[in-house]
């Protein structure tokens, strides 16, 4: 195939011998370096005006195939390495994200040249089904990697994907089954790749952790054949999208303008099957035929199943408490150590200023500057002091999205409006903790401990109002970024 390239282009990969050397060396490269190199080659191939259309597409196909092993390896490393530093985590994220974004762009450039009826387009007509499937798959991967850092999502991505789908539909190959990659099992279609991206977006990933997002994507792929995707306005439709517009899918609570490019989808039988899986997971079982990319316990998978069931339901999820719109400043401290020090009036970390958008009995939504807030993530513990107040609240970030590279939006669940810093003994170890509830003999109380400190058989003993108090462990309620949330029973006074 490489021997067909035109001598008019001086691109290095247009030379068969040089191309062979590059592809051979890529296989032995470090995964991060390999993806960076492939991203650079993709950019240069897509921009070369002298390459003919079949030559350009052949090279993009080959670069894509050469990078797949490296991309899978780095994806697993990003999601499953337990103790990545922030810089290493970002380096892995950037290598993966930039590769998928550049691959999607390269395929889009090939498709754009074909649609513009550039000379040589007829020579790639037979490859269009594979081109569009791979473009949509790369775009979906870009979307997922964007979501791992909670955005922002470029709205143009939706228009590119939608227009590629419409082209396939017009060409009558949207449902043509094919193997996207020769060395990866499983067939796909243009329609299923597009629908999977739509369902992923509709499933509201901004309250899930990256590993949970990956599990959700795998569950979507598993149940996708049971979704209904149609151009008809039907009573059972739940979501809609205008495939020709730069906008994500939306629930039918917002009515669309009538257009020939409107498409609708609903869960069909997928919701009932997901609920059946939920019952199995509640019993501790995750069937082996559900391919999640790795073996995960039911404890890890079950919250993701419940999340998807909520957003796949015909009726949108209801909030537990009414929200009230406000605009006020909020002083915020990050992490258990900083919050404990501030509650104990021993200084503490420097604070940040957030702007509250809305409040409810259960928490608040706020705008967050991200230039200095690389710590902001789902599961982060925060201390909060409303403007004009003297008391501190304790909460956990439950929802996070990047509105722009320097501005984010968070949803914070308030755990306590009257937290108390305590310093105690936990099995012979000093333990700075935060008491969230009032101490009453025989009652249960929630306590925030350092990460991995909760022990099911070890009581927490501390001084309290001139006497010794003992809390006997009941269960661990949660594990966050740097803390455990434990439920304890207050022992009678000694």
Protein backbone atom coordinates (compact mmCIF):
# COMPACT_ATOMS: atom_id res chain seq x y z
CA UNK A 1 0.00 0.00 0.00
CA UNK A 2 2.77 2.45 0.87
CA UNK A 3 4.35 1.99 -2.56
CA UNK A 4 1.42 3.79 -4.17
CA UNK A 5 2.27 7.18 -2.68
CA UNK A 6 2.86 10.14 -4.96
CA UNK A 7 6.41 11.45 -5.20
CA UNK A 8 4.99 15.00 -5.23
CA UNK A 9 4.68 15.06 -1.47
CA UNK A 10 7.87 15.40 0.55
CA UNK A 11 6.17 14.16 3.72
CA UNK A 12 8.50 11.60 5.40
CA UNK A 13 5.76 8.96 5.55
CA UNK A 14 5.16 9.31 1.81
CA UNK A 15 8.44 7.43 1.34
CA UNK A 16 7.80 3.70 1.73
CA UNK A 17 11.17 2.92 3.31
CA UNK A 18 10.96 5.76 5.85
CA UNK A 19 7.36 4.89 6.70
CA UNK A 20 8.33 1.27 7.34
CA UNK A 21 11.12 2.39 9.68
CA UNK A 22 8.80 4.75 11.60
CA UNK A 23 6.12 2.10 12.14
CA UNK A 24 8.66 -0.50 13.23
CA UNK A 25 10.18 1.88 15.78
CA UNK A 26 6.76 2.90 17.15
CA UNK A 27 6.07 -0.64 18.33
CA UNK A 28 9.08 -0.55 20.67
CA UNK A 29 8.62 2.94 22.05
CA UNK A 30 7.56 3.92 25.55
CA UNK A 31 3.77 4.29 25.46
CA UNK A 32 3.70 8.01 26.32
CA UNK A 33 6.41 8.82 23.76
CA UNK A 34 4.69 6.66 21.13
CA UNK A 35 1.34 8.42 21.53
CA UNK A 36 3.00 11.83 21.43
CA UNK A 37 4.82 10.87 18.23
CA UNK A 38 1.71 9.44 16.59
CA UNK A 39 -0.25 12.60 17.46
CA UNK A 40 2.44 14.66 15.72
CA UNK A 41 2.41 12.44 12.64
CA UNK A 42 -1.39 12.59 12.46
CA UNK A 43 -1.35 16.38 12.54
CA UNK A 44 1.26 16.61 9.77
CA UNK A 45 -0.44 13.99 7.55
CA UNK A 46 -3.82 15.71 7.85
CA UNK A 47 -2.29 19.07 6.91
CA UNK A 48 -0.22 17.90 3.93
CA UNK A 49 -1.87 19.32 0.81
CA UNK A 50 0.14 17.23 -1.63
CA UNK A 51 -0.91 13.82 -0.36
CA UNK A 52 -3.73 12.30 -2.39
CA UNK A 53 -6.87 11.32 -0.54
CA UNK A 54 -6.29 7.54 -0.55
CA UNK A 55 -2.67 8.02 0.53
CA UNK A 56 -3.64 10.32 3.38
CA UNK A 57 -6.39 8.02 4.64
CA UNK A 58 -4.14 4.94 4.40
CA UNK A 59 -1.56 6.65 6.59
CA UNK A 60 -4.15 7.75 9.15
CA UNK A 61 -5.45 4.17 9.30
CA UNK A 62 -1.93 2.84 9.86
CA UNK A 63 -1.02 5.43 12.50
CA UNK A 64 -4.28 4.66 14.30
CA UNK A 65 -3.57 0.92 14.31
CA UNK A 66 0.03 1.41 15.42
CA UNK A 67 -1.09 3.41 18.46
CA UNK A 68 -3.91 1.22 19.78
CA UNK A 69 -1.78 -1.02 22.02
CA UNK A 70 -0.06 2.02 23.54
CA UNK A 71 -3.39 3.80 24.07
CA UNK A 72 -4.91 0.80 25.87
CA UNK A 73 -1.84 0.45 28.08
CA UNK A 74 -1.83 4.11 29.09
CA UNK A 75 -5.57 4.10 29.65
CA UNK A 76 -5.27 1.20 32.12
CA UNK A 77 -2.32 2.89 33.84
CA UNK A 78 -4.25 6.15 34.27
CA UNK A 79 -7.34 4.47 35.73
CA UNK A 80 -5.82 1.70 37.83
CA UNK A 81 -2.53 3.05 39.24
CA UNK A 82 -3.33 3.63 42.94
CA UNK A 83 -0.89 6.40 43.83
CA UNK A 84 -0.22 8.66 40.88
CA UNK A 85 1.12 12.10 41.73
CA UNK A 86 -0.82 15.03 40.30
CA UNK A 87 1.86 15.77 37.70
CA UNK A 88 2.12 12.13 36.60
CA UNK A 89 -1.66 11.84 36.47
CA UNK A 90 -1.92 14.93 34.27
CA UNK A 91 0.93 13.71 32.02
CA UNK A 92 -0.89 10.41 31.41
CA UNK A 93 -4.18 12.21 30.88
CA UNK A 94 -2.68 14.66 28.40
CA UNK A 95 -0.93 11.95 26.36
CA UNK A 96 -4.14 9.94 26.06
CA UNK A 97 -6.45 12.90 25.46
CA UNK A 98 -4.23 14.60 22.90
CA UNK A 99 -3.80 11.38 20.93
CA UNK A 100 -7.54 10.72 20.67
CA UNK A 101 -8.28 14.37 19.87
CA UNK A 102 -5.65 14.40 17.12
CA UNK A 103 -6.88 11.09 15.72
CA UNK A 104 -10.48 12.32 15.62
CA UNK A 105 -9.29 15.52 13.94
CA UNK A 106 -7.30 13.58 11.32
CA UNK A 107 -10.30 11.45 10.40
CA UNK A 108 -12.50 14.55 10.34
CA UNK A 109 -10.03 16.22 7.95
CA UNK A 110 -10.19 13.21 5.61
CA UNK A 111 -13.98 13.25 5.72
CA UNK A 112 -14.10 17.00 5.09
CA UNK A 113 -11.93 16.62 1.99
CA UNK A 114 -14.20 13.86 0.73
CA UNK A 115 -17.35 15.91 1.30
CA UNK A 116 -15.83 18.89 -0.50
CA UNK A 117 -15.49 16.65 -3.59
CA UNK A 118 -11.76 17.16 -3.69
CA UNK A 119 -10.06 15.23 -6.47
CA UNK A 120 -9.47 11.59 -5.59
CA UNK A 121 -12.49 11.28 -3.32
CA UNK A 122 -14.03 8.46 -5.31
CA UNK A 123 -10.98 6.33 -4.52
CA UNK A 124 -11.87 6.26 -0.80
CA UNK A 125 -15.63 5.73 -1.16
CA UNK A 126 -15.31 2.03 -0.27
CA UNK A 127 -13.41 2.99 2.92
CA UNK A 128 -16.05 5.48 4.12
CA UNK A 129 -17.82 3.06 6.53
CA UNK A 130 -14.55 2.26 8.30
CA UNK A 131 -13.45 5.92 8.21
CA UNK A 132 -16.67 7.12 9.89
CA UNK A 133 -16.77 4.32 12.47
CA UNK A 134 -13.19 5.02 13.51
CA UNK A 135 -13.78 8.78 13.54
CA UNK A 136 -16.79 8.36 15.85
CA UNK A 137 -14.90 5.94 18.08
CA UNK A 138 -11.96 8.36 18.37
CA UNK A 139 -14.34 11.24 19.06
CA UNK A 140 -16.08 9.20 21.77
CA UNK A 141 -12.69 8.45 23.34
CA UNK A 142 -11.87 12.16 23.26
CA UNK A 143 -15.23 12.83 24.94
CA UNK A 144 -14.49 10.27 27.66
CA UNK A 145 -11.00 11.67 28.33
CA UNK A 146 -12.48 15.18 28.48
CA UNK A 147 -14.94 13.84 31.04
CA UNK A 148 -12.19 12.27 33.16
CA UNK A 149 -11.22 15.88 33.96
CA UNK A 150 -14.85 17.02 33.86
CA UNK A 151 -14.63 19.13 30.73
CA UNK A 152 -14.96 21.54 29.17
CA UNK A 153 -16.52 19.73 26.20
CA UNK A 154 -16.14 21.49 22.85
CA UNK A 155 -19.66 21.74 21.38
CA UNK A 156 -18.19 21.43 17.87
CA UNK A 157 -17.45 17.78 18.67
CA UNK A 158 -21.19 17.04 18.61
CA UNK A 159 -21.66 18.68 15.23
CA UNK A 160 -18.76 16.75 13.72
CA UNK A 161 -20.08 13.46 15.02
CA UNK A 162 -23.64 14.23 14.01
CA UNK A 163 -22.72 15.27 10.49
CA UNK A 164 -20.60 12.15 10.06
CA UNK A 165 -23.58 10.05 11.13
CA UNK A 166 -25.91 11.91 8.73
CA UNK A 167 -23.44 11.31 5.88
CA UNK A 168 -23.48 7.59 6.66
CA UNK A 169 -27.25 7.59 6.80
CA UNK A 170 -27.48 9.34 3.43
CA UNK A 171 -24.95 6.88 2.01
CA UNK A 172 -27.04 3.99 3.41
CA UNK A 173 -24.17 2.51 5.43
CA UNK A 174 -25.09 3.77 8.92
CA UNK A 175 -26.08 0.24 9.95
CA UNK A 176 -23.42 -1.64 8.00
CA UNK A 177 -21.60 -3.99 10.40
CA UNK A 178 -17.81 -4.06 10.22
CA UNK A 179 -14.73 -4.82 12.33
CA UNK A 180 -13.22 -1.48 13.42
CA UNK A 181 -9.83 -3.09 14.07
CA UNK A 182 -8.54 -6.42 12.77
CA UNK A 183 -6.86 -7.32 16.08
CA UNK A 184 -9.85 -6.43 18.30
CA UNK A 185 -12.90 -8.68 18.50
CA UNK A 186 -16.39 -7.33 17.92
CA UNK A 187 -18.30 -5.65 15.13
CA UNK A 188 -19.75 -2.16 15.15
CA UNK A 189 -21.75 0.26 13.03
CA UNK A 190 -21.78 4.00 12.48
CA UNK A 191 -25.17 4.23 14.18
CA UNK A 192 -24.10 2.32 17.30
CA UNK A 193 -20.90 4.38 17.69
CA UNK A 194 -22.90 7.61 17.46
CA UNK A 195 -25.60 6.37 19.82
CA UNK A 196 -23.03 5.25 22.39
CA UNK A 197 -21.59 8.77 22.54
CA UNK A 198 -25.08 10.24 22.93
CA UNK A 199 -25.99 7.86 25.77
CA UNK A 200 -22.65 8.54 27.47
CA UNK A 201 -23.36 12.27 27.47
CA UNK A 202 -26.97 11.82 28.57
CA UNK A 203 -25.82 9.73 31.54
CA UNK A 204 -24.46 12.80 33.39
CA UNK A 205 -20.92 11.74 34.31
CA UNK A 206 -20.06 14.87 36.32
CA UNK A 207 -20.72 13.15 39.66
CA UNK A 208 -18.64 10.02 38.96
CA UNK A 209 -14.96 9.35 39.55
CA UNK A 210 -12.78 8.51 36.51
CA UNK A 211 -12.83 4.74 37.17
CA UNK A 212 -16.60 4.90 37.60
CA UNK A 213 -16.86 6.81 34.30
CA UNK A 214 -14.91 4.00 32.58
CA UNK A 215 -17.21 1.36 34.13
CA UNK A 216 -20.25 3.39 33.04
CA UNK A 217 -18.92 3.55 29.47
CA UNK A 218 -18.48 -0.24 29.46
CA UNK A 219 -22.01 -0.76 30.81
CA UNK A 220 -23.40 1.55 28.12
CA UNK A 221 -21.63 -0.51 25.44
CA UNK A 222 -23.02 -3.73 26.96
CA UNK A 223 -26.64 -2.54 26.99
CA UNK A 224 -26.50 -0.41 23.83
CA UNK A 225 -28.24 -2.97 21.55
CA UNK A 226 -31.37 -2.60 23.69
CA UNK A 227 -31.66 1.19 23.22
CA UNK A 228 -34.04 2.61 20.61
CA UNK A 229 -32.68 5.22 18.18
CA UNK A 230 -35.07 6.78 15.69
CA UNK A 231 -35.93 9.80 13.56
CA UNK A 232 -39.58 9.50 14.64
CA UNK A 233 -41.15 11.58 17.40
CA UNK A 234 -42.61 8.81 19.59
CA UNK A 235 -44.23 8.87 23.06
CA UNK A 236 -41.51 6.64 24.53
CA UNK A 237 -38.63 8.92 23.44
CA UNK A 238 -36.61 10.33 26.34
CA UNK A 239 -33.75 12.26 24.70
CA UNK A 240 -33.25 14.16 21.46
CA UNK A 241 -30.35 15.60 19.51
CA UNK A 242 -30.06 17.74 16.40
CA UNK A 243 -27.28 15.92 14.58
CA UNK A 244 -26.50 18.97 12.45
CA UNK A 245 -25.99 21.37 15.37
CA UNK A 246 -23.06 21.94 17.79
CA UNK A 247 -25.04 20.87 20.86
CA UNK A 248 -25.20 17.74 23.05
CA UNK A 249 -28.32 15.57 23.48
CA UNK A 250 -31.04 16.81 25.82
CA UNK A 251 -34.10 15.43 27.57
CA UNK A 252 -37.45 15.99 25.95
CA UNK A 253 -38.37 18.23 28.89
CA UNK A 254 -36.85 20.84 26.53
CA UNK A 255 -38.73 20.68 23.24
CA UNK A 256 -36.61 20.82 20.06
CA UNK A 257 -37.23 22.84 16.94
CA UNK A 258 -38.47 20.60 14.15
CA UNK A 259 -35.66 19.79 11.69
CA UNK A 260 -34.84 16.86 9.38
CA UNK A 261 -31.64 16.24 11.36
CA UNK A 262 -33.52 15.58 14.65
CA UNK A 263 -32.95 12.16 16.17
CA UNK A 264 -34.50 10.64 19.28
CA UNK A 265 -33.49 7.85 21.61
CA UNK A 266 -34.82 6.00 24.63
CA UNK A 267 -33.60 3.18 26.82
CA UNK A 268 -36.00 0.62 25.30
CA UNK A 269 -35.34 -2.68 27.09
CA UNK A 270 -31.95 -1.51 28.39
CA UNK A 271 -33.33 -0.04 31.64
CA UNK A 272 -35.07 -3.27 32.67
CA UNK A 273 -31.92 -5.26 31.94
CA UNK A 274 -29.80 -2.76 33.89
CA UNK A 275 -32.19 -3.07 36.84
CA UNK A 276 -31.84 -6.86 36.66
CA UNK A 277 -28.05 -6.45 36.82
CA UNK A 278 -28.53 -4.13 39.79
CA UNK A 279 -30.34 -6.87 41.70
CA UNK A 280 -27.48 -9.28 41.00
CA UNK A 281 -24.90 -6.70 42.11
CA UNK A 282 -26.83 -6.07 45.32
CA UNK A 283 -26.36 -9.77 46.01
CA UNK A 284 -22.63 -9.44 45.39
CA UNK A 285 -22.54 -10.80 41.82
CA UNK A 286 -21.30 -9.18 38.61
CA UNK A 287 -21.73 -11.69 35.73
CA UNK A 288 -18.58 -12.45 33.76
CA UNK A 289 -20.34 -11.81 30.45
CA UNK A 290 -20.60 -8.12 31.34
CA UNK A 291 -17.26 -6.93 29.95
CA UNK A 292 -16.01 -4.10 32.15
CA UNK A 293 -12.43 -4.26 30.90
CA UNK A 294 -11.25 -5.72 34.22
CA UNK A 295 -12.63 -7.61 37.23
CA UNK A 296 -14.35 -5.25 39.66
CA UNK A 297 -16.21 -6.10 42.86
CA UNK A 298 -19.95 -5.52 43.10
CA UNK A 299 -19.20 -2.83 45.72
CA UNK A 300 -17.43 -0.76 43.04
CA UNK A 301 -19.88 -1.47 40.20
CA UNK A 302 -23.16 -1.09 42.10
CA UNK A 303 -23.03 2.71 42.60
CA UNK A 304 -22.41 3.12 38.85
CA UNK A 305 -25.38 0.91 37.99
CA UNK A 306 -27.60 2.95 40.32
CA UNK A 307 -26.35 6.17 38.76
CA UNK A 308 -27.12 4.98 35.22
CA UNK A 309 -30.56 3.69 36.27
CA UNK A 310 -31.38 7.17 37.58
CA UNK A 311 -30.46 8.93 34.34
CA UNK A 312 -31.92 6.29 32.02
CA UNK A 313 -35.33 6.50 33.71
CA UNK A 314 -38.17 8.13 31.71
CA UNK A 315 -38.53 10.82 34.38
CA UNK A 316 -35.49 12.97 35.26
CA UNK A 317 -33.99 12.60 38.75
CA UNK A 318 -35.59 14.82 41.38
CA UNK A 319 -33.57 16.83 43.85
CA UNK A 320 -33.94 15.98 47.54
CA UNK A 321 -34.27 19.66 48.51
CA UNK A 322 -35.44 22.81 46.77
CA UNK A 323 -32.66 25.06 45.51
CA UNK A 324 -32.65 28.81 46.05
CA UNK A 325 -30.68 31.10 43.75
CA UNK A 326 -28.18 33.34 45.53
CA UNK A 327 -24.98 35.21 44.82
CA UNK A 328 -22.59 35.31 47.74
CA UNK A 329 -18.96 34.68 48.54
CA UNK A 330 -17.76 31.55 50.28
CA UNK A 331 -14.41 31.03 52.02
CA UNK A 332 -13.15 27.50 51.41
CA UNK A 333 -10.43 25.33 53.02
CA UNK A 334 -9.27 22.13 51.35
CA UNK A 335 -8.69 18.76 52.99
CA UNK A 336 -8.96 17.15 56.40
CA UNK A 337 -5.72 18.62 57.81
CA UNK A 338 -6.59 22.17 56.78
CA UNK A 339 -10.19 21.97 57.96
CA UNK A 340 -9.21 20.39 61.29
CA UNK A 341 -6.60 23.09 61.93
CA UNK A 342 -9.10 25.85 61.16
CA UNK A 343 -11.80 24.32 63.40
CA UNK A 344 -9.23 23.91 66.19
CA UNK A 345 -8.24 27.57 65.66
CA UNK A 346 -4.66 26.56 64.89
CA UNK A 347 -4.35 28.37 61.58
CA UNK A 348 -4.67 26.00 58.66
CA UNK A 349 -4.12 26.16 54.94
CA UNK A 350 -4.73 29.29 52.95
CA UNK A 351 -8.34 29.72 51.95
CA UNK A 352 -9.92 30.28 48.55
CA UNK A 353 -12.91 32.44 47.59
CA UNK A 354 -15.76 30.77 45.70
CA UNK A 355 -19.03 32.30 44.50
CA UNK A 356 -22.20 30.48 45.59
CA UNK A 357 -24.90 30.17 42.90
CA UNK A 358 -27.56 28.28 44.82
CA UNK A 359 -28.20 26.76 48.24
CA UNK A 360 -30.48 24.07 49.62
CA UNK A 361 -30.86 22.18 52.90
CA UNK A 362 -28.47 19.55 51.56
CA UNK A 363 -25.71 21.69 50.11
CA UNK A 364 -24.83 24.33 47.53
CA UNK A 365 -23.60 24.96 44.02
CA UNK A 366 -20.66 27.29 43.46
CA UNK A 367 -18.34 28.73 40.83
CA UNK A 368 -14.69 27.82 41.39
CA UNK A 369 -11.51 29.46 40.02
CA UNK A 370 -9.30 26.65 38.72
CA UNK A 371 -6.01 28.43 38.10
CA UNK A 372 -4.74 27.54 41.57
CA UNK A 373 -7.27 24.80 42.42
CA UNK A 374 -5.85 21.63 40.98
CA UNK A 375 -7.11 19.86 44.12
CA UNK A 376 -10.77 20.36 43.18
CA UNK A 377 -12.22 16.93 42.43
CA UNK A 378 -15.15 14.71 43.31
CA UNK A 379 -14.73 13.30 46.80
CA UNK A 380 -12.63 16.22 48.12
CA UNK A 381 -13.37 17.36 51.68
CA UNK A 382 -13.94 21.10 52.15
CA UNK A 383 -14.49 23.47 55.03
CA UNK A 384 -16.79 26.37 54.14
CA UNK A 385 -17.55 29.68 55.78
CA UNK A 386 -20.41 31.71 54.23
CA UNK A 387 -19.86 35.43 53.76
CA UNK A 388 -20.68 37.36 56.92
CA UNK A 389 -20.76 34.24 59.10
CA UNK A 390 -18.40 32.99 61.81
CA UNK A 391 -19.24 29.30 61.79
CA UNK A 392 -17.65 26.72 59.52
CA UNK A 393 -19.48 24.02 57.57
CA UNK A 394 -17.98 20.75 56.39
CA UNK A 395 -18.89 19.22 53.05
CA UNK A 396 -17.78 16.98 50.20
CA UNK A 397 -17.64 17.83 46.48
CA UNK A 398 -20.17 15.56 44.75
CA UNK A 399 -20.37 17.14 41.29
CA UNK A 400 -17.70 18.90 39.23
CA UNK A 401 -17.50 20.30 35.72
CA UNK A 402 -14.99 22.57 33.99
CA UNK A 403 -16.91 25.38 32.35
CA UNK A 404 -13.67 26.78 30.89
CA UNK A 405 -10.00 25.88 31.50
CA UNK A 406 -9.92 28.40 34.37
CA UNK A 407 -13.48 28.26 35.70
CA UNK A 408 -15.36 25.32 37.19
CA UNK A 409 -18.71 24.56 38.78
CA UNK A 410 -19.12 22.32 41.80
CA UNK A 411 -21.96 20.81 43.77
CA UNK A 412 -21.13 20.37 47.47
CA UNK A 413 -23.05 18.18 49.89
CA UNK A 414 -23.05 19.66 53.38
CA UNK A 415 -22.16 17.00 55.96
CA UNK A 416 -22.38 19.18 59.06
CA UNK A 417 -23.23 22.74 60.02
CA UNK A 418 -21.64 22.39 63.46
CA UNK A 419 -18.46 20.31 63.09
CA UNK A 420 -16.00 19.96 65.96
CA UNK A 421 -12.26 19.26 65.75
CA UNK A 422 -11.16 16.44 68.04
CA UNK A 423 -7.75 14.93 68.79
CA UNK A 424 -7.86 11.38 70.04
CA UNK A 425 -6.33 7.96 70.26
CA UNK A 426 -7.15 5.29 67.68
CA UNK A 427 -5.62 1.99 68.77
CA UNK A 428 -2.50 3.68 70.11
CA UNK A 429 -2.17 6.11 67.20
CA UNK A 430 -2.74 9.86 67.44
CA UNK A 431 -5.73 10.80 65.33
CA UNK A 432 -6.96 14.26 64.36
CA UNK A 433 -10.62 13.86 63.40
CA UNK A 434 -13.77 15.91 62.88
CA UNK A 435 -16.96 15.13 64.78
CA UNK A 436 -20.02 15.91 62.65
CA UNK A 437 -22.87 15.24 65.11
CA UNK A 438 -23.82 15.93 68.73
CA UNK A 439 -22.55 13.45 71.32
CA UNK A 440 -25.34 11.65 73.18
CA UNK A 441 -24.76 8.42 75.03
CA UNK A 442 -26.02 5.45 73.02
CA UNK A 443 -26.57 7.47 69.83
CA UNK A 444 -24.58 7.05 66.64
CA UNK A 445 -22.42 9.88 65.30
CA UNK A 446 -20.43 10.43 62.11
CA UNK A 447 -16.71 11.11 62.32
CA UNK A 448 -14.26 12.14 59.60
CA UNK A 449 -10.91 10.36 59.99
CA UNK A 450 -7.68 10.43 57.99
CA UNK A 451 -7.71 8.21 54.90
CA UNK A 452 -7.53 4.43 55.63
CA UNK A 453 -7.76 5.10 59.39
CA UNK A 454 -11.17 3.54 60.05
CA UNK A 455 -10.89 0.13 61.72
CA UNK A 456 -14.03 -1.94 62.39
CA UNK A 457 -12.82 -3.14 65.83
CA UNK A 458 -10.87 -0.12 67.14
CA UNK A 459 -12.64 2.59 69.18
CA UNK A 460 -11.76 6.27 69.04
CA UNK A 461 -11.00 7.75 72.45
CA UNK A 462 -10.64 11.50 73.03
CA UNK A 463 -11.05 14.24 75.62
CA UNK A 464 -14.43 15.94 75.55
CA UNK A 465 -15.63 18.69 77.90
CA UNK A 466 -13.36 17.68 80.73
CA UNK A 467 -13.89 13.94 80.51
CA UNK A 468 -12.93 11.00 78.34
CA UNK A 469 -15.24 9.98 75.52
CA UNK A 470 -15.21 6.71 73.59
CA UNK A 471 -16.74 6.01 70.19
CA UNK A 472 -17.20 2.36 69.16
CA UNK A 473 -17.07 1.71 65.40
CA UNK A 474 -20.26 0.63 63.62
CA UNK A 475 -19.39 0.86 59.91
CA UNK A 476 -17.41 2.85 57.34
CA UNK A 477 -19.83 5.04 55.39
CA UNK A 478 -17.49 6.48 52.78
CA UNK A 479 -13.92 6.88 51.63
CA UNK A 480 -12.97 10.23 50.06
CA UNK A 481 -9.85 11.81 48.59
CA UNK A 482 -8.00 12.09 51.92
CA UNK A 483 -10.50 10.89 54.51
CA UNK A 484 -12.72 8.09 55.80
CA UNK A 485 -16.23 8.79 57.04
CA UNK A 486 -17.10 6.42 59.87
CA UNK A 487 -20.26 5.76 61.85
CA UNK A 488 -19.65 5.28 65.58
CA UNK A 489 -21.78 4.59 68.64
CA UNK A 490 -21.25 6.83 71.67
CA UNK A 491 -20.25 4.67 74.65
CA UNK A 492 -21.79 5.45 78.09
CA UNK A 493 -19.63 7.66 80.33
CA UNK A 494 -16.89 5.65 82.02
